[in-house]
Amino acid sequence: MKIKILWAEYGLLYVKKLLDEDGTHDYGECDNHAFEIRIEELEPEDRKRSTLFHELVHAVSYLGGLGLTEDQVRGLSHGFYAVLKNNPELVKHLAPWGEQ
């Protein structure tokens, strides 16, 4: 899948055994040089969605020149993901072009 984020197009990949730079398990990563977001495919669906949202915030921070810290990305992504998850009518209101 391709995701348009500001002026760039990122590939979305679901991969097995996603490891961090130090070799520990990771839920997701945003590669702003290869324009790819990778998500650990063996996680539960809700965690995959939350992780994807988190990585999208990283991409927006990078492309928008915001320089958000990991704590700021975590706070924004978890906060907005919870708002969207708990308010499905708001999602429809914000993105009416996605309705069939």
C-alpha atoms as a PDB file:
ATOM      1  CA  MET A   1       0.000   0.000   0.000  1.00  0.00           C
ATOM      2  CA  LYS A   2       1.120   3.564  -0.668  1.00  0.00           C
ATOM      3  CA  ILE A   3       0.326   6.442   1.685  1.00  0.00           C
ATOM      4  CA  LYS A   4       0.493  10.070   0.539  1.00  0.00           C
ATOM      5  CA  ILE A   5       1.916  12.215   3.347  1.00  0.00           C
ATOM      6  CA  LEU A   6       2.287  15.911   2.517  1.00  0.00           C
ATOM      7  CA  TRP A   7       4.510  15.920  -0.603  1.00  0.00           C
ATOM      8  CA  ALA A   8       5.875  12.366  -0.258  1.00  0.00           C
ATOM      9  CA  GLU A   9       4.567   8.874  -0.896  1.00  0.00           C
ATOM     10  CA  TYR A  10       5.451   6.248   1.687  1.00  0.00           C
ATOM     11  CA  GLY A  11       5.226   2.513   1.212  1.00  0.00           C
ATOM     12  CA  LEU A  12       3.458   0.605   3.976  1.00  0.00           C
ATOM     13  CA  LEU A  13       4.926  -2.814   4.699  1.00  0.00           C
ATOM     14  CA  TYR A  14       3.889  -5.426   7.240  1.00  0.00           C
ATOM     15  CA  VAL A  15       6.900  -7.498   8.228  1.00  0.00           C
ATOM     16  CA  LYS A  16       7.700 -10.395  10.562  1.00  0.00           C
ATOM     17  CA  LYS A  17      10.229  -9.986  13.343  1.00  0.00           C
ATOM     18  CA  LEU A  18      10.699  -6.236  13.209  1.00  0.00           C
ATOM     19  CA  LEU A  19      13.851  -5.420  15.183  1.00  0.00           C
ATOM     20  CA  ASP A  20      15.138  -2.097  16.435  1.00  0.00           C
ATOM     21  CA  GLU A  21      18.686  -0.892  15.750  1.00  0.00           C
ATOM     22  CA  ASP A  22      19.912  -2.588  18.935  1.00  0.00           C
ATOM     23  CA  GLY A  23      18.278  -5.917  18.005  1.00  0.00           C
ATOM     24  CA  THR A  24      15.249  -5.657  20.295  1.00  0.00           C
ATOM     25  CA  HIS A  25      11.654  -6.184  19.185  1.00  0.00           C
ATOM     26  CA  ASP A  26       9.935  -3.154  17.684  1.00  0.00           C
ATOM     27  CA  TYR A  27       6.272  -2.590  16.778  1.00  0.00           C
ATOM     28  CA  GLY A  28       6.951  -0.216  13.897  1.00  0.00           C
ATOM     29  CA  GLU A  29       9.416   2.085  12.244  1.00  0.00           C
ATOM     30  CA  CYS A  30       9.352   5.037   9.907  1.00  0.00           C
ATOM     31  CA  ASP A  31      12.211   5.226   7.424  1.00  0.00           C
ATOM     32  CA  ASN A  32      12.168   8.807   6.178  1.00  0.00           C
ATOM     33  CA  HIS A  33      15.014   8.197   3.735  1.00  0.00           C
ATOM     34  CA  ALA A  34      13.468   5.191   1.975  1.00  0.00           C
ATOM     35  CA  PHE A  35       9.950   6.612   2.484  1.00  0.00           C
ATOM     36  CA  GLU A  36       8.718   3.397   4.093  1.00  0.00           C
ATOM     37  CA  ILE A  37       6.713   2.595   7.173  1.00  0.00           C
ATOM     38  CA  ARG A  38       7.173  -0.930   8.485  1.00  0.00           C
ATOM     39  CA  ILE A  39       4.776  -2.508  10.983  1.00  0.00           C
ATOM     40  CA  GLU A  40       5.209  -5.791  12.858  1.00  0.00           C
ATOM     41  CA  GLU A  41       2.550  -8.036  11.306  1.00  0.00           C
ATOM     42  CA  LEU A  42       2.288 -10.512  14.197  1.00  0.00           C
ATOM     43  CA  GLU A  43       0.817  -7.975  16.611  1.00  0.00           C
ATOM     44  CA  PRO A  44      -2.932  -7.687  17.334  1.00  0.00           C
ATOM     45  CA  GLU A  45      -4.903  -5.548  14.838  1.00  0.00           C
ATOM     46  CA  ASP A  46      -5.515  -2.664  17.250  1.00  0.00           C
ATOM     47  CA  ARG A  47      -1.815  -2.430  18.096  1.00  0.00           C
ATOM     48  CA  LYS A  48      -0.945  -2.465  14.382  1.00  0.00           C
ATOM     49  CA  ARG A  49      -3.338   0.433  13.755  1.00  0.00           C
ATOM     50  CA  SER A  50      -2.071   2.391  16.746  1.00  0.00           C
ATOM     51  CA  THR A  51       1.522   1.782  15.670  1.00  0.00           C
ATOM     52  CA  LEU A  52       0.739   2.879  12.121  1.00  0.00           C
ATOM     53  CA  PHE A  53      -0.764   6.106  13.441  1.00  0.00           C
ATOM     54  CA  HIS A  54       2.370   6.620  15.566  1.00  0.00           C
ATOM     55  CA  GLU A  55       4.637   6.152  12.545  1.00  0.00           C
ATOM     56  CA  LEU A  56       2.469   8.534  10.484  1.00  0.00           C
ATOM     57  CA  VAL A  57       3.069  11.232  13.098  1.00  0.00           C
ATOM     58  CA  HIS A  58       6.818  10.585  12.791  1.00  0.00           C
ATOM     59  CA  ALA A  59       6.556  11.056   9.014  1.00  0.00           C
ATOM     60  CA  VAL A  60       4.545  14.284   9.338  1.00  0.00           C
ATOM     61  CA  SER A  61       7.043  15.568  11.902  1.00  0.00           C
ATOM     62  CA  TYR A  62       9.939  14.849   9.557  1.00  0.00           C
ATOM     63  CA  LEU A  63       8.359  16.143   6.358  1.00  0.00           C
ATOM     64  CA  GLY A  64       6.937  19.204   8.085  1.00  0.00           C
ATOM     65  CA  GLY A  65      10.244  20.070   9.738  1.00  0.00           C
ATOM     66  CA  LEU A  66       8.699  19.887  13.206  1.00  0.00           C
ATOM     67  CA  GLY A  67      11.428  17.878  14.930  1.00  0.00           C
ATOM     68  CA  LEU A  68       9.065  16.286  17.428  1.00  0.00           C
ATOM     69  CA  THR A  69      10.641  14.185  20.164  1.00  0.00           C
ATOM     70  CA  GLU A  70       9.647  10.564  20.703  1.00  0.00           C
ATOM     71  CA  ASP A  71       7.617  11.602  23.764  1.00  0.00           C
ATOM     72  CA  GLN A  72       5.773  14.240  21.735  1.00  0.00           C
ATOM     73  CA  VAL A  73       5.068  11.770  18.921  1.00  0.00           C
ATOM     74  CA  ARG A  74       3.857   9.208  21.449  1.00  0.00           C
ATOM     75  CA  GLY A  75       1.565  11.696  23.171  1.00  0.00           C
ATOM     76  CA  LEU A  76       0.073  13.047  19.957  1.00  0.00           C
ATOM     77  CA  SER A  77      -0.319   9.698  18.225  1.00  0.00           C
ATOM     78  CA  HIS A  78      -1.848   7.871  21.174  1.00  0.00           C
ATOM     79  CA  GLY A  79      -4.083  10.827  21.980  1.00  0.00           C
ATOM     80  CA  PHE A  80      -5.429  11.326  18.460  1.00  0.00           C
ATOM     81  CA  TYR A  81      -5.720   7.582  17.836  1.00  0.00           C
ATOM     82  CA  ALA A  82      -7.869   7.261  20.969  1.00  0.00           C
ATOM     83  CA  VAL A  83     -10.056  10.194  19.857  1.00  0.00           C
ATOM     84  CA  LEU A  84     -10.619   8.631  16.421  1.00  0.00           C
ATOM     85  CA  LYS A  85     -11.146   5.103  17.781  1.00  0.00           C
ATOM     86  CA  ASN A  86     -13.669   6.247  20.376  1.00  0.00           C
ATOM     87  CA  ASN A  87     -15.585   8.554  18.017  1.00  0.00           C
ATOM     88  CA  PRO A  88     -16.407   6.739  14.761  1.00  0.00           C
ATOM     89  CA  GLU A  89     -18.908   9.430  13.785  1.00  0.00           C
ATOM     90  CA  LEU A  90     -16.102  11.986  14.000  1.00  0.00           C
ATOM     91  CA  VAL A  91     -14.030   9.898  11.576  1.00  0.00           C
ATOM     92  CA  LYS A  92     -16.916   9.933   9.094  1.00  0.00           C
ATOM     93  CA  HIS A  93     -17.317  13.673   9.608  1.00  0.00           C
ATOM     94  CA  LEU A  94     -13.605  14.361   9.066  1.00  0.00           C
ATOM     95  CA  ALA A  95     -13.252  12.091   6.020  1.00  0.00           C
ATOM     96  CA  PRO A  96     -16.558  12.011   4.128  1.00  0.00           C
ATOM     97  CA  TRP A  97     -14.716  11.242   0.878  1.00  0.00           C
ATOM     98  CA  GLY A  98     -13.984   7.736   2.255  1.00  0.00           C
ATOM     99  CA  GLU A  99     -17.676   6.821   2.463  1.00  0.00           C
ATOM    100  CA  GLN A 100     -19.188   4.852  -0.371  1.00  0.00           C
END
